[in-house]
Amino acid sequence: MSKSIMIHARIEPTLKSETEQMLSALGLNMTQAITLFLQQVRLQKGLPFEVKLPSEQTLKALNELEKKDGKTFSSIDDLFDDLEN
């Protein structure tokens, strides 16, 4: 099958650069990775991974991180002590 269709997509430059490095380590280039993804979509008849909205607990944790009101710990022991209380 000849490849005759071109896909154009705009992505963040850092996302492209970082993923190209990772794909290179896997022996793939961007075109091969996109083709692999699309083949998996076809085989799975949908996305090849789960896509869902975050839970309330996850949203709360993300909001705390964004506000930077989250607790910080000086050691792993302090973290576990806090979790146990």
PDB file of N, CA and C in Angstrom:
ATOM      1  N   MET A   1       0.842  -1.169   0.000  1.00  0.00           N
ATOM      2  CA  MET A   1       0.000   0.000   0.000  1.00  0.00           C
ATOM      3  C   MET A   1       0.892   1.239   0.000  1.00  0.00           C
ATOM      4  N   SER A   2       0.660   2.104  -0.976  1.00  0.00           N
ATOM      5  CA  SER A   2       1.497   3.305  -1.032  1.00  0.00           C
ATOM      6  C   SER A   2       0.966   4.370  -0.092  1.00  0.00           C
ATOM      7  N   LYS A   3       1.879   5.137   0.431  1.00  0.00           N
ATOM      8  CA  LYS A   3       1.516   6.220   1.336  1.00  0.00           C
ATOM      9  C   LYS A   3       1.373   7.490   0.515  1.00  0.00           C
ATOM     10  N   SER A   4       0.139   7.966   0.363  1.00  0.00           N
ATOM     11  CA  SER A   4      -0.079   9.122  -0.494  1.00  0.00           C
ATOM     12  C   SER A   4      -0.837  10.255   0.190  1.00  0.00           C
ATOM     13  N   ILE A   5      -1.223  10.081   1.438  1.00  0.00           N
ATOM     14  CA  ILE A   5      -1.954  11.122   2.155  1.00  0.00           C
ATOM     15  C   ILE A   5      -1.026  11.760   3.180  1.00  0.00           C
ATOM     16  N   MET A   6      -1.045  13.079   3.234  1.00  0.00           N
ATOM     17  CA  MET A   6      -0.229  13.790   4.203  1.00  0.00           C
ATOM     18  C   MET A   6      -1.130  14.362   5.281  1.00  0.00           C
ATOM     19  N   ILE A   7      -0.716  14.250   6.537  1.00  0.00           N
ATOM     20  CA  ILE A   7      -1.445  14.816   7.665  1.00  0.00           C
ATOM     21  C   ILE A   7      -0.614  15.967   8.218  1.00  0.00           C
ATOM     22  N   HIS A   8      -1.270  17.092   8.452  1.00  0.00           N
ATOM     23  CA  HIS A   8      -0.602  18.251   9.052  1.00  0.00           C
ATOM     24  C   HIS A   8      -1.224  18.495  10.421  1.00  0.00           C
ATOM     25  N   ALA A   9      -0.400  18.690  11.423  1.00  0.00           N
ATOM     26  CA  ALA A   9      -0.892  18.971  12.766  1.00  0.00           C
ATOM     27  C   ALA A   9       0.023  19.982  13.437  1.00  0.00           C
ATOM     28  N   ARG A  10      -0.563  20.861  14.220  1.00  0.00           N
ATOM     29  CA  ARG A  10       0.216  21.837  14.993  1.00  0.00           C
ATOM     30  C   ARG A  10       0.329  21.328  16.423  1.00  0.00           C
ATOM     31  N   ILE A  11       1.559  21.245  16.894  1.00  0.00           N
ATOM     32  CA  ILE A  11       1.808  20.840  18.277  1.00  0.00           C
ATOM     33  C   ILE A  11       2.874  21.749  18.862  1.00  0.00           C
ATOM     34  N   GLU A  12       2.976  21.731  20.178  1.00  0.00           N
ATOM     35  CA  GLU A  12       3.979  22.561  20.845  1.00  0.00           C
ATOM     36  C   GLU A  12       5.378  22.070  20.463  1.00  0.00           C
ATOM     37  N   PRO A  13       6.296  22.975  20.193  1.00  0.00           N
ATOM     38  CA  PRO A  13       7.651  22.577  19.810  1.00  0.00           C
ATOM     39  C   PRO A  13       8.343  21.683  20.833  1.00  0.00           C
ATOM     40  N   THR A  14       8.140  21.966  22.129  1.00  0.00           N
ATOM     41  CA  THR A  14       8.805  21.138  23.140  1.00  0.00           C
ATOM     42  C   THR A  14       8.224  19.728  23.167  1.00  0.00           C
ATOM     43  N   LEU A  15       6.914  19.611  22.950  1.00  0.00           N
ATOM     44  CA  LEU A  15       6.293  18.289  22.890  1.00  0.00           C
ATOM     45  C   LEU A  15       6.876  17.492  21.727  1.00  0.00           C
ATOM     46  N   LYS A  16       7.017  18.120  20.585  1.00  0.00           N
ATOM     47  CA  LYS A  16       7.583  17.450  19.411  1.00  0.00           C
ATOM     48  C   LYS A  16       9.025  17.018  19.664  1.00  0.00           C
ATOM     49  N   SER A  17       9.812  17.927  20.194  1.00  0.00           N
ATOM     50  CA  SER A  17      11.218  17.636  20.441  1.00  0.00           C
ATOM     51  C   SER A  17      11.406  16.496  21.446  1.00  0.00           C
ATOM     52  N   GLU A  18      10.681  16.578  22.559  1.00  0.00           N
ATOM     53  CA  GLU A  18      10.817  15.547  23.595  1.00  0.00           C
ATOM     54  C   GLU A  18      10.349  14.182  23.100  1.00  0.00           C
ATOM     55  N   THR A  19       9.235  14.170  22.386  1.00  0.00           N
ATOM     56  CA  THR A  19       8.728  12.879  21.911  1.00  0.00           C
ATOM     57  C   THR A  19       9.602  12.312  20.791  1.00  0.00           C
ATOM     58  N   GLU A  20      10.169  13.158  19.967  1.00  0.00           N
ATOM     59  CA  GLU A  20      11.082  12.659  18.937  1.00  0.00           C
ATOM     60  C   GLU A  20      12.284  11.957  19.558  1.00  0.00           C
ATOM     61  N   GLN A  21      12.806  12.503  20.649  1.00  0.00           N
ATOM     62  CA  GLN A  21      13.931  11.871  21.327  1.00  0.00           C
ATOM     63  C   GLN A  21      13.535  10.510  21.886  1.00  0.00           C
ATOM     64  N   MET A  22      12.359  10.439  22.504  1.00  0.00           N
ATOM     65  CA  MET A  22      11.890   9.163  23.060  1.00  0.00           C
ATOM     66  C   MET A  22      11.626   8.146  21.963  1.00  0.00           C
ATOM     67  N   LEU A  23      11.005   8.597  20.889  1.00  0.00           N
ATOM     68  CA  LEU A  23      10.719   7.694  19.775  1.00  0.00           C
ATOM     69  C   LEU A  23      12.005   7.194  19.137  1.00  0.00           C
ATOM     70  N   SER A  24      12.992   8.064  19.033  1.00  0.00           N
ATOM     71  CA  SER A  24      14.281   7.669  18.475  1.00  0.00           C
ATOM     72  C   SER A  24      14.915   6.554  19.297  1.00  0.00           C
ATOM     73  N   ALA A  25      14.800   6.670  20.613  1.00  0.00           N
ATOM     74  CA  ALA A  25      15.342   5.632  21.488  1.00  0.00           C
ATOM     75  C   ALA A  25      14.628   4.298  21.272  1.00  0.00           C
ATOM     76  N   LEU A  26      13.379   4.373  20.812  1.00  0.00           N
ATOM     77  CA  LEU A  26      12.611   3.167  20.517  1.00  0.00           C
ATOM     78  C   LEU A  26      12.810   2.684  19.076  1.00  0.00           C
ATOM     79  N   GLY A  27      13.598   3.428  18.299  1.00  0.00           N
ATOM     80  CA  GLY A  27      13.846   3.056  16.913  1.00  0.00           C
ATOM     81  C   GLY A  27      12.745   3.493  15.964  1.00  0.00           C
ATOM     82  N   LEU A  28      11.975   4.500  16.385  1.00  0.00           N
ATOM     83  CA  LEU A  28      10.862   4.989  15.566  1.00  0.00           C
ATOM     84  C   LEU A  28      11.043   6.463  15.246  1.00  0.00           C
ATOM     85  N   ASN A  29      10.486   6.871  14.121  1.00  0.00           N
ATOM     86  CA  ASN A  29      10.406   8.298  13.837  1.00  0.00           C
ATOM     87  C   ASN A  29       8.950   8.730  14.021  1.00  0.00           C
ATOM     88  N   MET A  30       8.668  10.006  13.877  1.00  0.00           N
ATOM     89  CA  MET A  30       7.328  10.529  14.129  1.00  0.00           C
ATOM     90  C   MET A  30       6.298   9.897  13.193  1.00  0.00           C
ATOM     91  N   THR A  31       6.624   9.763  11.930  1.00  0.00           N
ATOM     92  CA  THR A  31       5.695   9.162  10.968  1.00  0.00           C
ATOM     93  C   THR A  31       5.363   7.727  11.351  1.00  0.00           C
ATOM     94  N   GLN A  32       6.362   6.966  11.732  1.00  0.00           N
ATOM     95  CA  GLN A  32       6.124   5.577  12.138  1.00  0.00           C
ATOM     96  C   GLN A  32       5.256   5.508  13.392  1.00  0.00           C
ATOM     97  N   ALA A  33       5.495   6.418  14.339  1.00  0.00           N
ATOM     98  CA  ALA A  33       4.715   6.426  15.580  1.00  0.00           C
ATOM     99  C   ALA A  33       3.258   6.795  15.304  1.00  0.00           C
ATOM    100  N   ILE A  34       3.030   7.767  14.455  1.00  0.00           N
ATOM    101  CA  ILE A  34       1.657   8.156  14.106  1.00  0.00           C
ATOM    102  C   ILE A  34       0.960   7.015  13.379  1.00  0.00           C
ATOM    103  N   THR A  35       1.659   6.378  12.472  1.00  0.00           N
ATOM    104  CA  THR A  35       1.095   5.228  11.752  1.00  0.00           C
ATOM    105  C   THR A  35       0.752   4.111  12.721  1.00  0.00           C
ATOM    106  N   LEU A  36       1.645   3.837  13.660  1.00  0.00           N
ATOM    107  CA  LEU A  36       1.397   2.809  14.679  1.00  0.00           C
ATOM    108  C   LEU A  36       0.162   3.159  15.504  1.00  0.00           C
ATOM    109  N   PHE A  37       0.053   4.410  15.916  1.00  0.00           N
ATOM    110  CA  PHE A  37      -1.111   4.853  16.674  1.00  0.00           C
ATOM    111  C   PHE A  37      -2.394   4.650  15.878  1.00  0.00           C
ATOM    112  N   LEU A  38      -2.400   5.085  14.619  1.00  0.00           N
ATOM    113  CA  LEU A  38      -3.607   4.965  13.800  1.00  0.00           C
ATOM    114  C   LEU A  38      -3.966   3.509  13.532  1.00  0.00           C
ATOM    115  N   GLN A  39      -2.965   2.649  13.367  1.00  0.00           N
ATOM    116  CA  GLN A  39      -3.241   1.222  13.198  1.00  0.00           C
ATOM    117  C   GLN A  39      -3.899   0.653  14.454  1.00  0.00           C
ATOM    118  N   GLN A  40      -3.444   1.080  15.620  1.00  0.00           N
ATOM    119  CA  GLN A  40      -4.032   0.611  16.873  1.00  0.00           C
ATOM    120  C   GLN A  40      -5.464   1.131  17.038  1.00  0.00           C
ATOM    121  N   VAL A  41      -5.723   2.361  16.623  1.00  0.00           N
ATOM    122  CA  VAL A  41      -7.088   2.893  16.665  1.00  0.00           C
ATOM    123  C   VAL A  41      -7.984   2.023  15.801  1.00  0.00           C
ATOM    124  N   ARG A  42      -7.499   1.665  14.626  1.00  0.00           N
ATOM    125  CA  ARG A  42      -8.282   0.816  13.727  1.00  0.00           C
ATOM    126  C   ARG A  42      -8.513  -0.557  14.331  1.00  0.00           C
ATOM    127  N   LEU A  43      -7.473  -1.176  14.883  1.00  0.00           N
ATOM    128  CA  LEU A  43      -7.597  -2.510  15.470  1.00  0.00           C
ATOM    129  C   LEU A  43      -8.495  -2.516  16.701  1.00  0.00           C
ATOM    130  N   GLN A  44      -8.372  -1.504  17.556  1.00  0.00           N
ATOM    131  CA  GLN A  44      -9.143  -1.420  18.801  1.00  0.00           C
ATOM    132  C   GLN A  44     -10.544  -0.851  18.575  1.00  0.00           C
ATOM    133  N   LYS A  45     -10.736  -0.297  17.376  1.00  0.00           N
ATOM    134  CA  LYS A  45     -11.993   0.397  17.058  1.00  0.00           C
ATOM    135  C   LYS A  45     -12.243   1.548  18.049  1.00  0.00           C
ATOM    136  N   GLY A  46     -11.193   2.237  18.372  1.00  0.00           N
ATOM    137  CA  GLY A  46     -11.226   3.370  19.301  1.00  0.00           C
ATOM    138  C   GLY A  46      -9.818   3.677  19.751  1.00  0.00           C
ATOM    139  N   LEU A  47      -9.714   4.576  20.693  1.00  0.00           N
ATOM    140  CA  LEU A  47      -8.394   4.919  21.206  1.00  0.00           C
ATOM    141  C   LEU A  47      -7.774   3.718  21.905  1.00  0.00           C
ATOM    142  N   PRO A  48      -6.465   3.513  21.736  1.00  0.00           N
ATOM    143  CA  PRO A  48      -5.808   2.348  22.340  1.00  0.00           C
ATOM    144  C   PRO A  48      -5.437   2.544  23.804  1.00  0.00           C
ATOM    145  N   PHE A  49      -6.096   3.476  24.467  1.00  0.00           N
ATOM    146  CA  PHE A  49      -5.885   3.722  25.888  1.00  0.00           C
ATOM    147  C   PHE A  49      -7.166   4.338  26.435  1.00  0.00           C
ATOM    148  N   GLU A  50      -7.327   4.262  27.749  1.00  0.00           N
ATOM    149  CA  GLU A  50      -8.530   4.774  28.386  1.00  0.00           C
ATOM    150  C   GLU A  50      -8.471   6.295  28.486  1.00  0.00           C
ATOM    151  N   VAL A  51      -9.573   6.929  28.145  1.00  0.00           N
ATOM    152  CA  VAL A  51      -9.692   8.379  28.276  1.00  0.00           C
ATOM    153  C   VAL A  51     -10.906   8.641  29.140  1.00  0.00           C
ATOM    154  N   LYS A  52     -10.680   9.318  30.260  1.00  0.00           N
ATOM    155  CA  LYS A  52     -11.794   9.608  31.154  1.00  0.00           C
ATOM    156  C   LYS A  52     -11.523  10.900  31.901  1.00  0.00           C
ATOM    157  N   LEU A  53     -12.578  11.454  32.457  1.00  0.00           N
ATOM    158  CA  LEU A  53     -12.451  12.663  33.256  1.00  0.00           C
ATOM    159  C   LEU A  53     -11.851  12.308  34.614  1.00  0.00           C
ATOM    160  N   PRO A  54     -11.091  13.211  35.198  1.00  0.00           N
ATOM    161  CA  PRO A  54     -10.509  12.919  36.512  1.00  0.00           C
ATOM    162  C   PRO A  54     -11.590  12.851  37.588  1.00  0.00           C
ATOM    163  N   SER A  55     -11.328  12.059  38.615  1.00  0.00           N
ATOM    164  CA  SER A  55     -12.251  11.935  39.738  1.00  0.00           C
ATOM    165  C   SER A  55     -12.241  13.218  40.561  1.00  0.00           C
ATOM    166  N   GLU A  56     -13.216  13.335  41.455  1.00  0.00           N
ATOM    167  CA  GLU A  56     -13.265  14.496  42.348  1.00  0.00           C
ATOM    168  C   GLU A  56     -11.992  14.584  43.190  1.00  0.00           C
ATOM    169  N   GLN A  57     -11.509  13.434  43.664  1.00  0.00           N
ATOM    170  CA  GLN A  57     -10.292  13.402  44.484  1.00  0.00           C
ATOM    171  C   GLN A  57      -9.092  13.902  43.685  1.00  0.00           C
ATOM    172  N   THR A  58      -8.997  13.472  42.433  1.00  0.00           N
ATOM    173  CA  THR A  58      -7.899  13.911  41.577  1.00  0.00           C
ATOM    174  C   THR A  58      -8.002  15.403  41.299  1.00  0.00           C
ATOM    175  N   LEU A  59      -9.212  15.872  41.005  1.00  0.00           N
ATOM    176  CA  LEU A  59      -9.407  17.308  40.762  1.00  0.00           C
ATOM    177  C   LEU A  59      -9.022  18.141  41.981  1.00  0.00           C
ATOM    178  N   LYS A  60      -9.391  17.658  43.157  1.00  0.00           N
ATOM    179  CA  LYS A  60      -9.043  18.374  44.386  1.00  0.00           C
ATOM    180  C   LYS A  60      -7.531  18.449  44.556  1.00  0.00           C
ATOM    181  N   ALA A  61      -6.850  17.334  44.309  1.00  0.00           N
ATOM    182  CA  ALA A  61      -5.390  17.307  44.427  1.00  0.00           C
ATOM    183  C   ALA A  61      -4.744  18.241  43.411  1.00  0.00           C
ATOM    184  N   LEU A  62      -5.255  18.247  42.180  1.00  0.00           N
ATOM    185  CA  LEU A  62      -4.710  19.141  41.159  1.00  0.00           C
ATOM    186  C   LEU A  62      -4.921  20.602  41.529  1.00  0.00           C
ATOM    187  N   ASN A  63      -6.092  20.911  42.061  1.00  0.00           N
ATOM    188  CA  ASN A  63      -6.366  22.286  42.490  1.00  0.00           C
ATOM    189  C   ASN A  63      -5.437  22.709  43.619  1.00  0.00           C
ATOM    190  N   GLU A  64      -5.177  21.807  44.553  1.00  0.00           N
ATOM    191  CA  GLU A  64      -4.255  22.120  45.651  1.00  0.00           C
ATOM    192  C   GLU A  64      -2.861  22.413  45.122  1.00  0.00           C
ATOM    193  N   LEU A  65      -2.434  21.620  44.142  1.00  0.00           N
ATOM    194  CA  LEU A  65      -1.107  21.842  43.563  1.00  0.00           C
ATOM    195  C   LEU A  65      -1.036  23.175  42.835  1.00  0.00           C
ATOM    196  N   GLU A  66      -2.098  23.502  42.103  1.00  0.00           N
ATOM    197  CA  GLU A  66      -2.113  24.770  41.379  1.00  0.00           C
ATOM    198  C   GLU A  66      -2.078  25.959  42.330  1.00  0.00           C
ATOM    199  N   LYS A  67      -2.752  25.843  43.455  1.00  0.00           N
ATOM    200  CA  LYS A  67      -2.762  26.919  44.447  1.00  0.00           C
ATOM    201  C   LYS A  67      -1.478  26.937  45.266  1.00  0.00           C
ATOM    202  N   LYS A  68      -0.732  25.873  45.188  1.00  0.00           N
ATOM    203  CA  LYS A  68       0.503  25.701  45.952  1.00  0.00           C
ATOM    204  C   LYS A  68       0.240  25.758  47.452  1.00  0.00           C
ATOM    205  N   ASP A  69      -0.971  25.337  47.826  1.00  0.00           N
ATOM    206  CA  ASP A  69      -1.321  25.268  49.241  1.00  0.00           C
ATOM    207  C   ASP A  69      -1.089  23.859  49.777  1.00  0.00           C
ATOM    208  N   GLY A  70      -0.597  22.972  48.923  1.00  0.00           N
ATOM    209  CA  GLY A  70      -0.368  21.599  49.347  1.00  0.00           C
ATOM    210  C   GLY A  70       0.732  21.519  50.392  1.00  0.00           C
ATOM    211  N   LYS A  71       0.698  20.480  51.182  1.00  0.00           N
ATOM    212  CA  LYS A  71       1.716  20.297  52.221  1.00  0.00           C
ATOM    213  C   LYS A  71       3.023  19.858  51.580  1.00  0.00           C
ATOM    214  N   THR A  72       4.088  20.213  52.221  1.00  0.00           N
ATOM    215  CA  THR A  72       5.404  19.732  51.815  1.00  0.00           C
ATOM    216  C   THR A  72       6.023  19.009  53.006  1.00  0.00           C
ATOM    217  N   PHE A  73       6.891  18.079  52.710  1.00  0.00           N
ATOM    218  CA  PHE A  73       7.509  17.263  53.750  1.00  0.00           C
ATOM    219  C   PHE A  73       9.008  17.229  53.541  1.00  0.00           C
ATOM    220  N   SER A  74       9.735  17.203  54.648  1.00  0.00           N
ATOM    221  CA  SER A  74      11.191  17.188  54.570  1.00  0.00           C
ATOM    222  C   SER A  74      11.739  15.776  54.428  1.00  0.00           C
ATOM    223  N   SER A  75      10.892  14.783  54.708  1.00  0.00           N
ATOM    224  CA  SER A  75      11.350  13.402  54.558  1.00  0.00           C
ATOM    225  C   SER A  75      10.163  12.504  54.248  1.00  0.00           C
ATOM    226  N   ILE A  76      10.440  11.327  53.779  1.00  0.00           N
ATOM    227  CA  ILE A  76       9.396  10.346  53.495  1.00  0.00           C
ATOM    228  C   ILE A  76       8.705   9.909  54.773  1.00  0.00           C
ATOM    229  N   ASP A  77       9.460   9.851  55.861  1.00  0.00           N
ATOM    230  CA  ASP A  77       8.872   9.494  57.161  1.00  0.00           C
ATOM    231  C   ASP A  77       7.828  10.520  57.588  1.00  0.00           C
ATOM    232  N   ASP A  78       8.124  11.812  57.381  1.00  0.00           N
ATOM    233  CA  ASP A  78       7.157  12.859  57.711  1.00  0.00           C
ATOM    234  C   ASP A  78       5.892  12.710  56.865  1.00  0.00           C
ATOM    235  N   LEU A  79       6.059  12.373  55.606  1.00  0.00           N
ATOM    236  CA  LEU A  79       4.926  12.166  54.726  1.00  0.00           C
ATOM    237  C   LEU A  79       4.031  11.038  55.243  1.00  0.00           C
ATOM    238  N   PHE A  80       4.649   9.891  55.570  1.00  0.00           N
ATOM    239  CA  PHE A  80       3.856   8.751  56.042  1.00  0.00           C
ATOM    240  C   PHE A  80       3.226   9.032  57.401  1.00  0.00           C
ATOM    241  N   ASP A  81       3.917   9.760  58.261  1.00  0.00           N
ATOM    242  CA  ASP A  81       3.324  10.150  59.551  1.00  0.00           C
ATOM    243  C   ASP A  81       2.064  10.986  59.319  1.00  0.00           C
ATOM    244  N   ASP A  82       2.127  11.912  58.373  1.00  0.00           N
ATOM    245  CA  ASP A  82       0.983  12.744  58.068  1.00  0.00           C
ATOM    246  C   ASP A  82      -0.164  11.925  57.465  1.00  0.00           C
ATOM    247  N   LEU A  83       0.164  10.978  56.612  1.00  0.00           N
ATOM    248  CA  LEU A  83      -0.862  10.134  55.994  1.00  0.00           C
ATOM    249  C   LEU A  83      -1.570   9.254  57.023  1.00  0.00           C
ATOM    250  N   GLU A  84      -0.834   8.816  58.033  1.00  0.00           N
ATOM    251  CA  GLU A  84      -1.413   7.954  59.058  1.00  0.00           C
ATOM    252  C   GLU A  84      -2.317   8.731  60.009  1.00  0.00           C
ATOM    253  N   ASN A  85      -2.129  10.040  60.113  1.00  0.00           N
ATOM    254  CA  ASN A  85      -2.930  10.864  61.037  1.00  0.00           C
ATOM    255  C   ASN A  85      -4.142  11.433  60.389  1.00  0.00           C
TER     256      ASN A  85
END
